[in-house]
Amino acid sequence: AREESSPDSFTQNQQRNNNKGTMPRARPAPPSQEQQQPEPAPDAEPTDSDTDELVDASNDEEDEEDNAETG
């Protein structure tokens, strides 16, 4: 009886952990995230690169001005 109850409870715990996605054994969860990432990635990449370029340019100008004032 103990042997039968232990595997049952173990499988139940696995199912709960898989649902929570907290246990590292819950590998079925990551695939769903990977599928969701590719969709927003293309939209996020161009916007991120554009903003990064603008931010870098503005930062460079500000840095030059700051250096000129302090210098």
N, C-alpha and C. Protein backbone atom coordinates (compact mmCIF):
# COMPACT_ATOMS: atom_id res chain seq x y z
N ALA A 1 0.85 -1.20 0.00
CA ALA A 1 0.00 0.00 0.00
C ALA A 1 0.88 1.25 0.00
N ARG A 2 1.94 1.25 0.80
CA ARG A 2 2.81 2.42 0.85
C ARG A 2 3.44 2.68 -0.52
N GLU A 3 3.91 1.61 -1.15
CA GLU A 3 4.56 1.78 -2.46
C GLU A 3 3.58 2.38 -3.46
N GLU A 4 2.31 1.97 -3.41
CA GLU A 4 1.32 2.50 -4.36
C GLU A 4 1.00 3.97 -4.05
N SER A 5 0.93 4.30 -2.76
CA SER A 5 0.56 5.67 -2.39
C SER A 5 1.71 6.63 -2.70
N SER A 6 2.95 6.20 -2.50
CA SER A 6 4.08 7.10 -2.72
C SER A 6 4.16 7.55 -4.19
N PRO A 7 4.11 6.65 -5.16
CA PRO A 7 4.19 7.09 -6.57
C PRO A 7 3.00 7.97 -6.94
N ASP A 8 1.81 7.67 -6.41
CA ASP A 8 0.64 8.48 -6.73
C ASP A 8 0.86 9.91 -6.25
N SER A 9 1.27 10.05 -4.99
CA SER A 9 1.48 11.40 -4.46
C SER A 9 2.61 12.08 -5.22
N PHE A 10 3.62 11.30 -5.61
CA PHE A 10 4.76 11.90 -6.35
C PHE A 10 4.28 12.44 -7.69
N THR A 11 3.46 11.64 -8.40
CA THR A 11 2.97 12.11 -9.70
C THR A 11 2.09 13.34 -9.49
N GLN A 12 1.26 13.34 -8.44
CA GLN A 12 0.41 14.50 -8.19
C GLN A 12 1.26 15.74 -7.94
N ASN A 13 2.34 15.56 -7.17
CA ASN A 13 3.22 16.70 -6.90
C ASN A 13 3.84 17.20 -8.20
N GLN A 14 4.23 16.28 -9.07
CA GLN A 14 4.82 16.70 -10.35
C GLN A 14 3.81 17.52 -11.14
N GLN A 15 2.56 17.05 -11.20
CA GLN A 15 1.54 17.78 -11.95
C GLN A 15 1.37 19.19 -11.37
N ARG A 16 1.32 19.29 -10.04
CA ARG A 16 1.16 20.61 -9.42
C ARG A 16 2.34 21.50 -9.75
N ASN A 17 3.54 20.94 -9.64
CA ASN A 17 4.74 21.73 -9.94
C ASN A 17 4.74 22.16 -11.40
N ASN A 18 4.34 21.26 -12.29
CA ASN A 18 4.31 21.61 -13.71
C ASN A 18 3.33 22.76 -13.94
N ASN A 19 2.18 22.70 -13.27
CA ASN A 19 1.20 23.78 -13.42
C ASN A 19 1.78 25.09 -12.90
N LYS A 20 2.46 25.04 -11.77
CA LYS A 20 3.05 26.26 -11.20
C LYS A 20 4.23 26.73 -12.04
N GLY A 21 4.96 25.77 -12.63
CA GLY A 21 6.13 26.15 -13.42
C GLY A 21 7.29 26.59 -12.55
N THR A 22 7.27 26.23 -11.25
CA THR A 22 8.35 26.63 -10.35
C THR A 22 9.48 25.60 -10.38
N MET A 23 9.15 24.35 -10.59
CA MET A 23 10.18 23.30 -10.57
C MET A 23 10.93 23.28 -11.91
N PRO A 24 12.25 23.01 -11.88
CA PRO A 24 13.03 22.96 -13.12
C PRO A 24 12.59 21.82 -14.03
N ARG A 25 11.91 20.80 -13.44
CA ARG A 25 11.45 19.69 -14.27
C ARG A 25 10.30 20.11 -15.17
N ALA A 26 9.69 21.24 -14.91
CA ALA A 26 8.56 21.69 -15.73
C ALA A 26 9.09 22.24 -17.05
N ARG A 27 9.67 21.39 -17.86
CA ARG A 27 10.22 21.84 -19.15
C ARG A 27 9.14 22.12 -20.19
N PRO A 28 7.95 21.51 -20.09
CA PRO A 28 6.88 21.82 -21.05
C PRO A 28 6.52 23.30 -21.07
N ALA A 29 6.78 24.02 -19.99
CA ALA A 29 6.42 25.44 -19.93
C ALA A 29 7.32 26.30 -20.82
N PRO A 30 8.65 26.19 -20.74
CA PRO A 30 9.54 27.04 -21.54
C PRO A 30 9.18 27.08 -23.03
N PRO A 31 8.89 25.94 -23.68
CA PRO A 31 8.53 25.98 -25.11
C PRO A 31 7.45 27.01 -25.41
N SER A 32 6.43 27.09 -24.55
CA SER A 32 5.35 28.05 -24.79
C SER A 32 5.91 29.47 -24.76
N GLN A 33 6.83 29.74 -23.83
CA GLN A 33 7.42 31.08 -23.76
C GLN A 33 8.26 31.35 -25.01
N GLU A 34 9.02 30.36 -25.46
CA GLU A 34 9.86 30.56 -26.65
C GLU A 34 8.99 30.89 -27.86
N GLN A 35 7.82 30.24 -27.95
CA GLN A 35 6.93 30.51 -29.08
C GLN A 35 6.39 31.94 -29.01
N GLN A 36 6.14 32.44 -27.80
CA GLN A 36 5.61 33.79 -27.65
C GLN A 36 6.68 34.84 -27.92
N GLN A 37 7.92 34.55 -27.57
CA GLN A 37 8.99 35.53 -27.73
C GLN A 37 9.21 35.91 -29.21
N PRO A 38 9.35 34.94 -30.13
CA PRO A 38 9.61 35.28 -31.54
C PRO A 38 8.64 36.32 -32.09
N GLU A 39 7.37 36.28 -31.66
CA GLU A 39 6.40 37.24 -32.20
C GLU A 39 6.74 38.68 -31.81
N PRO A 40 6.88 39.01 -30.52
CA PRO A 40 7.21 40.39 -30.13
C PRO A 40 8.64 40.76 -30.47
N ALA A 41 9.51 39.77 -30.62
CA ALA A 41 10.93 40.06 -30.87
C ALA A 41 11.11 40.94 -32.11
N PRO A 42 10.57 40.58 -33.28
CA PRO A 42 10.78 41.39 -34.49
C PRO A 42 10.34 42.84 -34.29
N ASP A 43 9.23 43.05 -33.60
CA ASP A 43 8.77 44.41 -33.36
C ASP A 43 9.68 45.12 -32.36
N ALA A 44 10.15 44.38 -31.36
CA ALA A 44 10.97 45.00 -30.31
C ALA A 44 12.37 45.30 -30.82
N GLU A 45 12.91 44.46 -31.69
CA GLU A 45 14.29 44.67 -32.16
C GLU A 45 14.45 46.02 -32.87
N PRO A 46 13.65 46.33 -33.89
CA PRO A 46 13.84 47.61 -34.60
C PRO A 46 13.63 48.81 -33.68
N THR A 47 12.61 48.76 -32.84
CA THR A 47 12.35 49.89 -31.93
C THR A 47 13.52 50.04 -30.96
N ASP A 48 13.99 48.91 -30.41
CA ASP A 48 15.10 48.99 -29.45
C ASP A 48 16.34 49.56 -30.12
N SER A 49 16.66 49.07 -31.34
CA SER A 49 17.87 49.54 -32.02
C SER A 49 17.73 51.04 -32.33
N ASP A 50 16.55 51.47 -32.80
CA ASP A 50 16.36 52.89 -33.11
C ASP A 50 16.52 53.73 -31.85
N THR A 51 15.85 53.33 -30.78
CA THR A 51 15.94 54.11 -29.54
C THR A 51 17.37 54.11 -29.03
N ASP A 52 18.04 52.97 -29.13
CA ASP A 52 19.42 52.89 -28.63
C ASP A 52 20.29 53.89 -29.40
N GLU A 53 20.13 53.94 -30.73
CA GLU A 53 20.95 54.87 -31.53
C GLU A 53 20.67 56.31 -31.11
N LEU A 54 19.38 56.67 -30.99
CA LEU A 54 19.04 58.04 -30.61
C LEU A 54 19.60 58.34 -29.22
N VAL A 55 19.41 57.43 -28.29
CA VAL A 55 19.89 57.65 -26.92
C VAL A 55 21.40 57.80 -26.93
N ASP A 56 22.09 56.94 -27.67
CA ASP A 56 23.55 57.02 -27.70
C ASP A 56 23.98 58.38 -28.26
N ALA A 57 23.35 58.82 -29.35
CA ALA A 57 23.73 60.09 -29.96
C ALA A 57 23.51 61.23 -28.96
N SER A 58 22.34 61.25 -28.33
CA SER A 58 22.06 62.33 -27.37
C SER A 58 23.05 62.26 -26.21
N ASN A 59 23.34 61.07 -25.74
CA ASN A 59 24.29 60.93 -24.62
C ASN A 59 25.66 61.44 -25.05
N ASP A 60 26.07 61.12 -26.26
CA ASP A 60 27.39 61.56 -26.72
C ASP A 60 27.43 63.10 -26.74
N GLU A 61 26.37 63.72 -27.28
CA GLU A 61 26.35 65.19 -27.33
C GLU A 61 26.40 65.77 -25.92
N GLU A 62 25.57 65.22 -25.04
CA GLU A 62 25.55 65.73 -23.66
C GLU A 62 26.92 65.55 -23.02
N ASP A 63 27.53 64.39 -23.25
CA ASP A 63 28.85 64.15 -22.65
C ASP A 63 29.84 65.19 -23.17
N GLU A 64 29.81 65.48 -24.47
CA GLU A 64 30.75 66.46 -25.03
C GLU A 64 30.52 67.82 -24.39
N GLU A 65 29.25 68.24 -24.28
CA GLU A 65 28.95 69.53 -23.66
C GLU A 65 29.45 69.56 -22.22
N ASP A 66 29.16 68.50 -21.48
CA ASP A 66 29.60 68.45 -20.08
C ASP A 66 31.12 68.55 -20.02
N ASN A 67 31.80 67.82 -20.88
CA ASN A 67 33.26 67.84 -20.87
C ASN A 67 33.76 69.25 -21.20
N ALA A 68 33.11 69.92 -22.17
CA ALA A 68 33.55 71.26 -22.56
C ALA A 68 33.36 72.21 -21.38
N GLU A 69 32.22 72.13 -20.71
CA GLU A 69 31.97 73.03 -19.58
C GLU A 69 32.99 72.80 -18.46
N THR A 70 33.20 71.54 -18.11
CA THR A 70 34.13 71.25 -17.02
C THR A 70 35.55 71.58 -17.46
N GLY A 71 35.87 71.31 -18.74
CA GLY A 71 37.23 71.56 -19.22
C GLY A 71 37.45 73.05 -19.36
